[in-house]
Protein backbone atom coordinates (compact mmCIF):
# COMPACT_ATOMS: atom_id res chain seq x y z
CA ASP A 1 -57.04 38.27 -159.52
CA ILE A 2 -55.98 37.27 -156.51
CA ASN A 3 -59.58 37.44 -154.60
CA ALA A 4 -61.30 35.75 -157.20
CA ASP A 5 -59.29 32.18 -155.96
CA GLY A 6 -57.58 31.62 -152.57
CA ALA A 7 -57.21 35.69 -151.81
CA VAL A 8 -53.76 34.90 -150.50
CA TYR A 9 -50.50 36.82 -151.67
CA PRO A 10 -47.01 35.32 -152.78
CA GLY A 11 -44.27 36.02 -150.88
CA SER A 12 -40.96 37.18 -151.87
CA ILE A 13 -39.78 33.62 -152.38
CA GLU A 14 -41.42 32.07 -155.43
CA GLY A 15 -43.96 29.16 -154.73
CA ARG A 16 -44.47 30.30 -150.91
CA PHE A 17 -47.95 32.04 -149.74
CA GLY A 18 -49.56 32.56 -146.66
CA ASN A 19 -52.56 30.99 -145.52
CA ARG A 20 -54.97 33.90 -144.73
CA LYS A 21 -56.60 36.89 -146.88
CA PRO A 22 -54.71 40.07 -145.44
CA PRO A 23 -56.59 42.25 -143.09
CA SER A 24 -57.03 45.77 -143.90
CA SER A 25 -54.45 48.47 -143.06
CA ALA A 26 -56.87 51.00 -142.88
CA TYR A 27 -58.28 51.44 -139.11
CA ALA A 28 -55.93 48.40 -138.04
CA THR A 29 -54.61 50.82 -135.22
CA LEU A 30 -57.88 50.71 -133.66
CA PRO A 31 -57.74 47.91 -131.84
CA PRO A 32 -56.61 48.10 -127.97
CA VAL A 33 -53.56 45.59 -126.44
CA PHE A 34 -54.60 42.24 -126.60
CA ASP A 35 -56.36 41.01 -123.11
CA PHE A 36 -58.70 38.80 -121.32
CA THR A 37 -61.75 40.51 -119.76
CA ARG A 38 -63.99 38.59 -117.82
CA GLN A 39 -67.00 40.65 -118.62
CA GLY A 40 -69.73 38.68 -120.42
CA GLY A 41 -68.49 35.41 -119.61
CA GLY A 42 -64.99 36.17 -120.56
CA VAL A 43 -63.48 36.93 -123.52
CA PHE A 44 -60.65 37.84 -125.50
CA VAL A 45 -60.56 41.36 -126.94
CA GLY A 46 -57.75 43.45 -129.01
CA GLY A 47 -54.79 42.26 -130.64
CA ASN A 48 -53.41 42.53 -134.42
CA PHE A 49 -53.81 39.63 -137.39
CA TRP A 50 -56.80 37.46 -137.56
CA ASP A 51 -55.33 35.34 -134.48
CA GLY A 52 -54.30 38.31 -132.12
CA ARG A 53 -50.87 37.30 -132.25
CA ALA A 54 -49.57 40.95 -132.66
CA THR A 55 -50.85 41.66 -129.25
CA GLY A 56 -49.45 45.02 -128.67
CA GLU A 57 -48.01 43.83 -125.28
CA ARG A 58 -44.50 44.91 -125.80
CA LEU A 59 -44.93 48.14 -128.11
CA GLY A 60 -48.17 49.30 -126.43
CA ASN A 61 -49.58 49.13 -130.10
CA PRO A 62 -51.03 46.15 -131.81
CA ALA A 63 -50.66 47.64 -135.35
CA ALA A 64 -46.83 48.08 -134.57
CA ASP A 65 -46.82 44.80 -133.55
CA GLN A 66 -48.27 43.67 -136.39
CA ALA A 67 -45.77 45.30 -138.83
CA GLN A 68 -42.93 43.50 -137.50
CA GLY A 69 -44.43 40.58 -138.54
CA PRO A 70 -44.09 40.31 -142.67
CA PHE A 71 -40.27 40.94 -142.51
CA LEU A 72 -39.16 37.96 -141.32
CA ASN A 73 -42.16 35.67 -142.35
CA PRO A 74 -40.90 32.93 -144.53
CA VAL A 75 -43.99 32.97 -146.59
CA GLU A 76 -43.95 36.90 -146.93
CA GLN A 77 -40.78 39.05 -147.12
CA GLY A 78 -38.58 35.98 -145.72
CA LEU A 79 -35.67 38.09 -144.54
CA ARG A 80 -33.57 36.19 -141.93
CA ASP A 81 -32.85 38.93 -139.70
CA GLU A 82 -34.31 42.36 -138.19
CA ALA A 83 -30.66 43.53 -139.02
CA CYS A 84 -31.42 43.34 -142.53
CA VAL A 85 -34.48 45.47 -142.25
CA VAL A 86 -32.65 47.92 -140.03
CA TYR A 87 -29.50 47.99 -142.47
CA ARG A 88 -31.67 48.73 -145.65
CA VAL A 89 -33.58 51.22 -143.70
CA SER A 90 -30.47 53.13 -142.81
CA THR A 91 -29.19 53.16 -146.21
CA SER A 92 -32.61 53.85 -148.10
CA ASN A 93 -33.07 57.09 -149.95
CA TYR A 94 -35.77 57.82 -147.26
CA GLY A 95 -33.26 57.28 -144.34
CA ALA A 96 -33.22 61.12 -143.93
CA LEU A 97 -36.83 61.00 -142.95
CA TYR A 98 -36.33 58.30 -140.59
CA ARG A 99 -33.64 60.31 -139.17
CA GLN A 100 -35.44 63.25 -138.66
CA VAL A 101 -37.96 61.52 -136.67
CA PHE A 102 -36.13 58.92 -134.49
CA GLY A 103 -32.33 60.76 -134.64
CA ASP A 104 -28.90 59.20 -135.76
CA ASP A 105 -28.72 56.09 -133.49
CA ILE A 106 -28.97 54.12 -136.40
CA ASP A 107 -25.92 55.25 -137.82
CA ASP A 108 -23.63 53.76 -134.73
CA ILE A 109 -24.54 50.08 -135.35
CA GLU A 110 -21.57 48.33 -136.66
CA PHE A 111 -23.69 46.40 -139.19
CA PRO A 112 -21.56 43.44 -140.37
CA SER A 113 -19.49 44.52 -143.71
CA ASP A 114 -21.20 41.70 -145.93
CA LEU A 115 -24.75 41.97 -144.21
CA ASP A 116 -26.29 42.76 -147.18
CA THR A 117 -25.22 39.64 -149.06
CA TRP A 118 -26.01 37.80 -146.39
CA CYS A 119 -29.56 38.80 -146.40
CA ASP A 120 -30.10 38.02 -149.67
CA VAL A 121 -30.32 34.27 -148.99
CA GLU A 122 -32.34 32.18 -146.54
CA GLY A 123 -30.75 31.21 -143.11
CA PRO A 124 -30.69 31.17 -139.45
CA PRO A 125 -30.63 34.62 -137.69
CA ILE A 126 -27.11 36.58 -138.10
CA GLU A 127 -24.46 36.41 -135.50
CA LEU A 128 -24.11 39.74 -133.81
CA ALA A 129 -22.58 41.14 -130.85
CA ARG A 130 -25.05 42.05 -127.92
CA GLU A 131 -24.60 45.29 -128.03
CA THR A 132 -25.23 45.81 -131.88
CA ARG A 133 -27.98 43.36 -131.76
CA ASP A 134 -29.80 45.37 -128.74
CA GLN A 135 -29.29 48.32 -131.40
CA VAL A 136 -30.90 46.73 -133.96
CA TRP A 137 -33.97 45.91 -131.77
CA ARG A 138 -34.11 49.27 -130.86
CA GLU A 139 -34.37 50.68 -134.19
CA TYR A 140 -36.49 47.65 -135.73
CA ASP A 141 -39.10 48.78 -132.81
CA ASN A 142 -39.11 52.36 -134.42
CA ILE A 143 -39.61 51.41 -137.70
CA ALA A 144 -42.73 49.22 -136.62
CA LEU A 145 -44.28 52.43 -135.09
CA ALA A 146 -43.41 54.43 -137.69
CA ILE A 147 -45.42 52.18 -139.97
CA ALA A 148 -48.37 52.08 -137.21
CA MET A 149 -48.37 56.05 -137.45
CA TYR A 150 -48.70 55.81 -141.44
CA GLU A 151 -51.49 53.15 -141.07
CA GLU A 152 -53.45 55.33 -138.81
CA SER A 153 -53.10 58.17 -141.41
CA HIS A 154 -55.66 55.94 -143.49
CA ASN A 155 -58.41 55.87 -140.70
CA LEU A 156 -60.50 58.69 -142.64
CA PHE A 157 -63.84 58.51 -141.34
CA SER A 158 -65.09 59.81 -145.14
CA SER A 159 -67.50 57.58 -145.50
CA LYS A 160 -71.51 58.08 -146.71
CA PHE A 161 -72.15 56.86 -143.13
CA ASP A 162 -69.93 59.43 -141.39
CA ALA A 163 -71.74 61.96 -143.38
CA VAL A 164 -74.99 60.90 -142.68
CA ARG A 165 -73.49 61.07 -138.72
CA ILE A 166 -72.45 64.71 -138.96
CA GLY A 167 -75.64 65.80 -140.87
CA MET A 168 -74.21 66.50 -144.53
CA ALA A 169 -75.75 63.76 -146.17
CA GLU A 170 -78.88 61.32 -145.95
CA PHE A 171 -79.42 57.70 -146.16
CA THR A 172 -81.55 56.29 -149.24
CA LYS A 173 -84.77 54.70 -148.08
CA GLU A 174 -82.71 51.15 -148.43
CA GLU A 175 -80.19 52.16 -146.91
CA GLN A 176 -82.02 53.45 -143.92
CA ARG A 177 -83.79 50.26 -143.65
CA GLY A 178 -80.86 48.04 -144.01
CA PHE A 179 -79.08 50.38 -140.70
CA ALA A 180 -82.15 49.47 -139.04
CA LEU A 181 -81.92 46.01 -139.59
CA PHE A 182 -78.33 46.17 -139.06
CA GLN A 183 -78.69 47.48 -135.66
CA GLY A 184 -81.87 45.26 -135.12
CA LYS A 185 -83.21 42.01 -136.66
CA GLY A 186 -79.85 41.05 -138.42
CA GLN A 187 -77.77 41.20 -135.09
CA CYS A 188 -75.02 42.89 -137.03
CA ALA A 189 -74.33 45.52 -134.33
CA ARG A 190 -73.54 43.14 -131.36
CA CYS A 191 -70.28 42.37 -132.72
CA HIS A 192 -69.79 45.60 -135.19
CA PRO A 193 -71.43 48.30 -133.08
CA SER A 194 -71.96 51.69 -134.72
CA ASN A 195 -72.29 53.90 -131.92
CA GLY A 196 -69.76 56.24 -130.95
CA GLN A 197 -68.59 59.55 -131.98
CA GLU A 198 -66.30 57.62 -134.81
CA PRO A 199 -67.08 53.86 -134.49
CA ALA A 200 -64.86 51.12 -135.45
CA PHE A 201 -67.81 48.72 -136.93
CA THR A 202 -65.95 45.89 -134.89
CA ASP A 203 -66.02 45.04 -130.58
CA HIS A 204 -62.69 43.50 -131.45
CA THR A 205 -63.39 40.34 -129.89
CA TYR A 206 -63.15 36.92 -131.80
CA ASP A 207 -65.47 34.41 -133.10
CA ASN A 208 -65.92 31.46 -134.78
CA LEU A 209 -68.62 32.13 -137.54
CA GLY A 210 -68.65 28.46 -139.42
CA VAL A 211 -66.76 29.81 -141.99
CA PRO A 212 -65.96 26.80 -144.44
CA PRO A 213 -62.38 26.05 -145.82
CA ASN A 214 -61.10 27.95 -149.20
CA PRO A 215 -60.22 24.78 -151.40
CA ALA A 216 -58.24 27.36 -153.24
CA ASN A 217 -56.07 28.30 -151.24
CA PRO A 218 -52.54 26.94 -152.01
CA VAL A 219 -51.97 26.09 -148.55
CA TYR A 220 -53.78 22.82 -149.05
CA THR A 221 -51.16 21.97 -151.89
CA GLY A 222 -48.88 21.15 -149.69
CA ASN A 223 -50.80 20.23 -146.62
CA PRO A 224 -54.40 18.76 -147.56
CA ASP A 225 -55.28 18.43 -143.69
CA PHE A 226 -54.47 21.85 -142.70
CA VAL A 227 -56.78 23.37 -140.31
CA ASP A 228 -56.83 27.19 -139.41
CA LEU A 229 -57.40 27.10 -135.40
CA GLY A 230 -57.35 31.17 -135.18
CA LEU A 231 -57.19 32.36 -131.98
CA GLY A 232 -57.04 28.78 -130.18
CA GLY A 233 -53.73 28.19 -132.48
CA PHE A 234 -52.17 31.21 -131.04
CA LEU A 235 -53.10 30.57 -127.58
CA ALA A 236 -51.78 27.34 -127.34
CA THR A 237 -48.54 28.69 -127.83
CA GLN A 238 -48.98 30.87 -124.77
CA PRO A 239 -48.22 29.34 -121.49
CA VAL A 240 -50.56 31.80 -119.70
CA TRP A 241 -53.64 31.12 -121.94
CA SER A 242 -52.81 27.49 -122.91
CA ASP A 243 -55.53 25.98 -120.87
CA LEU A 244 -58.16 28.24 -122.63
CA ALA A 245 -56.98 27.18 -126.20
CA ALA A 246 -59.11 24.67 -127.02
CA GLU A 247 -62.54 26.55 -126.29
CA HIS A 248 -60.95 29.36 -128.80
CA ASP A 249 -60.36 27.15 -131.71
CA GLY A 250 -61.72 28.30 -135.09
CA MET A 251 -62.05 31.68 -133.56
CA MET A 252 -61.23 34.76 -135.60
CA ARG A 253 -60.64 38.63 -134.99
CA VAL A 254 -64.12 40.48 -135.58
CA PRO A 255 -62.84 42.97 -138.30
CA THR A 256 -64.06 46.46 -139.07
CA LEU A 257 -66.77 46.93 -141.61
CA ARG A 258 -65.47 50.24 -142.72
CA ASN A 259 -64.42 49.91 -146.55
CA VAL A 260 -66.09 46.41 -146.56
CA ASP A 261 -67.13 47.22 -150.31
CA LYS A 262 -64.50 49.75 -151.08
CA ARG A 263 -62.44 48.33 -154.47
CA PRO A 264 -59.69 49.83 -156.49
CA TYR A 265 -61.94 49.66 -159.32
CA PRO A 266 -65.66 48.74 -160.03
CA GLY A 267 -66.12 45.31 -160.74
CA ALA A 268 -62.93 44.33 -158.88
CA VAL A 269 -63.58 41.09 -156.95
CA LYS A 270 -63.60 41.63 -153.32
CA ALA A 271 -62.66 38.43 -150.88
CA TYR A 272 -64.28 38.25 -147.55
CA MET A 273 -63.54 35.94 -144.27
CA HIS A 274 -60.14 35.12 -143.19
CA ASN A 275 -59.73 32.76 -146.06
CA GLY A 276 -61.37 34.95 -148.90
CA VAL A 277 -63.89 32.00 -149.25
CA PHE A 278 -67.21 34.38 -149.88
CA LYS A 279 -66.33 36.72 -152.82
CA SER A 280 -69.55 38.84 -152.32
CA LEU A 281 -71.45 41.10 -149.59
CA GLU A 282 -74.54 39.43 -150.84
CA LYS A 283 -73.27 35.74 -150.28
CA VAL A 284 -71.85 37.01 -146.79
CA VAL A 285 -75.23 38.39 -145.27
CA HIS A 286 -76.84 35.48 -146.95
CA PHE A 287 -74.54 32.99 -145.06
CA TYR A 288 -75.30 35.07 -141.84
CA ASN A 289 -78.85 34.69 -142.19
CA THR A 290 -79.01 31.05 -143.78
CA ARG A 291 -76.22 29.00 -142.33
CA ASP A 292 -78.11 26.52 -139.80
CA VAL A 293 -81.15 26.71 -142.00
CA LEU A 294 -79.78 25.29 -145.57
CA PRO A 295 -78.58 21.79 -145.58
CA GLN A 296 -74.69 21.26 -145.87
CA CYS A 297 -72.74 20.74 -149.50
CA ASP A 298 -69.77 18.90 -149.92
CA ASP A 299 -67.64 21.75 -150.68
CA ILE A 300 -67.84 25.25 -152.06
CA ALA A 301 -67.27 23.70 -155.93
CA SER A 302 -70.73 22.49 -155.47
CA PRO A 303 -73.21 24.57 -157.95
CA GLU A 304 -75.48 25.05 -155.28
CA PHE A 305 -73.10 26.81 -152.87
CA GLY A 306 -74.62 29.83 -150.92
CA VAL A 307 -77.89 29.24 -153.05
CA ASN A 308 -79.48 25.84 -151.46
CA CYS A 309 -76.61 24.63 -149.06
CA TRP A 310 -73.61 25.56 -147.33
CA PRO A 311 -70.54 23.60 -146.64
CA ALA A 312 -69.46 22.53 -143.02
CA PRO A 313 -67.61 24.61 -140.91
CA GLU A 314 -63.69 24.77 -141.40
CA VAL A 315 -63.75 24.14 -137.53
CA GLU A 316 -66.77 22.48 -135.81
CA ALA A 317 -66.14 23.52 -132.17
CA ASN A 318 -67.23 26.92 -130.59
CA VAL A 319 -69.52 27.78 -133.68
CA ASN A 320 -71.37 31.14 -132.79
CA THR A 321 -74.96 30.14 -132.68
CA ASP A 322 -76.30 33.10 -130.70
CA GLU A 323 -75.86 36.02 -133.09
CA LEU A 324 -76.36 34.33 -137.03
CA GLY A 325 -77.16 31.51 -138.60
CA ASP A 326 -80.93 31.33 -138.94
CA LEU A 327 -81.92 35.17 -138.94
CA GLY A 328 -84.95 35.03 -140.64
CA LEU A 329 -84.26 38.01 -143.12
CA SER A 330 -85.97 38.02 -146.24
CA ALA A 331 -84.31 38.81 -149.69
CA ASP A 332 -85.38 42.16 -149.58
CA GLU A 333 -83.99 42.49 -146.09
CA GLU A 334 -80.63 41.33 -147.11
CA ALA A 335 -80.42 43.34 -149.83
CA ALA A 336 -81.23 46.38 -147.39
CA ILE A 337 -78.34 45.40 -145.14
CA VAL A 338 -75.80 45.12 -148.02
CA ALA A 339 -76.88 48.59 -149.10
CA PHE A 340 -76.21 49.91 -145.88
CA LEU A 341 -72.68 48.14 -145.61
CA ARG A 342 -71.89 49.72 -148.97
CA THR A 343 -72.29 53.35 -147.07
CA LEU A 344 -69.28 52.70 -145.18
CA SER A 345 -66.59 53.16 -147.86
CA ASP A 346 -64.27 55.86 -147.17
CA GLY A 347 -64.14 58.82 -149.78
CA PHE A 348 -67.50 59.91 -150.06
CA MET A 349 -67.06 63.20 -148.05
CA GLY A 350 -64.16 64.10 -150.48
CA GLU A 351 -66.18 63.28 -153.69
CA HIS A 352 -69.14 65.33 -152.24
CA ASN A 353 -67.58 68.29 -150.50
């Protein structure tokens, strides 16, 4: 079970792995285009991927920008060129569906006759005529937009929470108590707001929660000194934002809490945080509650991990100490918050309608 260890997936090329747990595709279309707002002291908002690098600036849709990433990423699908993706869509058994939506322009592209052979091996981008390259990019954008529209169909808003919100169900006493704690003493709603008609349970900002590294991540096999700088690492590559990079090192996108406990079958292992280091909601909530109270372990292999100690953060700079770390929650209050979080799994209304 991938989630039981490093929580990262192998790519198309044997032995290669990503270095982060994949974020949810459900509700991935909700973040706005990546931007810097000066409200509240100045924060980055929006974008996709854990580090925000799928900004949505070019396509106007962060989910579409994100959809273009895995095709060419050498540790994911590992294709060498956008033309490989476009060609394979044009010759696929669903190509007719694509043409119904985007027209027949994809058929006007003069692909090299041996393109598919080139696409089966690694290498630099394929040399194409300027007109052909422009055509490929247009269709590649269309493919990404189509994927984003498919992802939007997974925004179901069909959880028990949603049923309660519209008067179709009632929380148990423990769930109701957990919701009150979520809104108040637990401070969860400060980053995962639950207000609005169909709340996303994220404010689309970025935070360094002080999460420890996950030594089961395969990235450490080849690079034992790896440190995931998150948003700061992305900002450092952008001239317009690079002067703000250091103060955002270690920050990751605040994920939606919808489906936070949804799993394919009872007992399936869930992995949490950007690196999958925590394996239960109970441990996540306990971490938020006691991160700054318990002493430090050497690493997560310690038998006391999450019980009497926590390992040091992966990135010690810029850790959020305002909204977590010493919440003063009792064990019963932690359990109530977990009970509420379990009401956010889609499918309740389908099962009870």
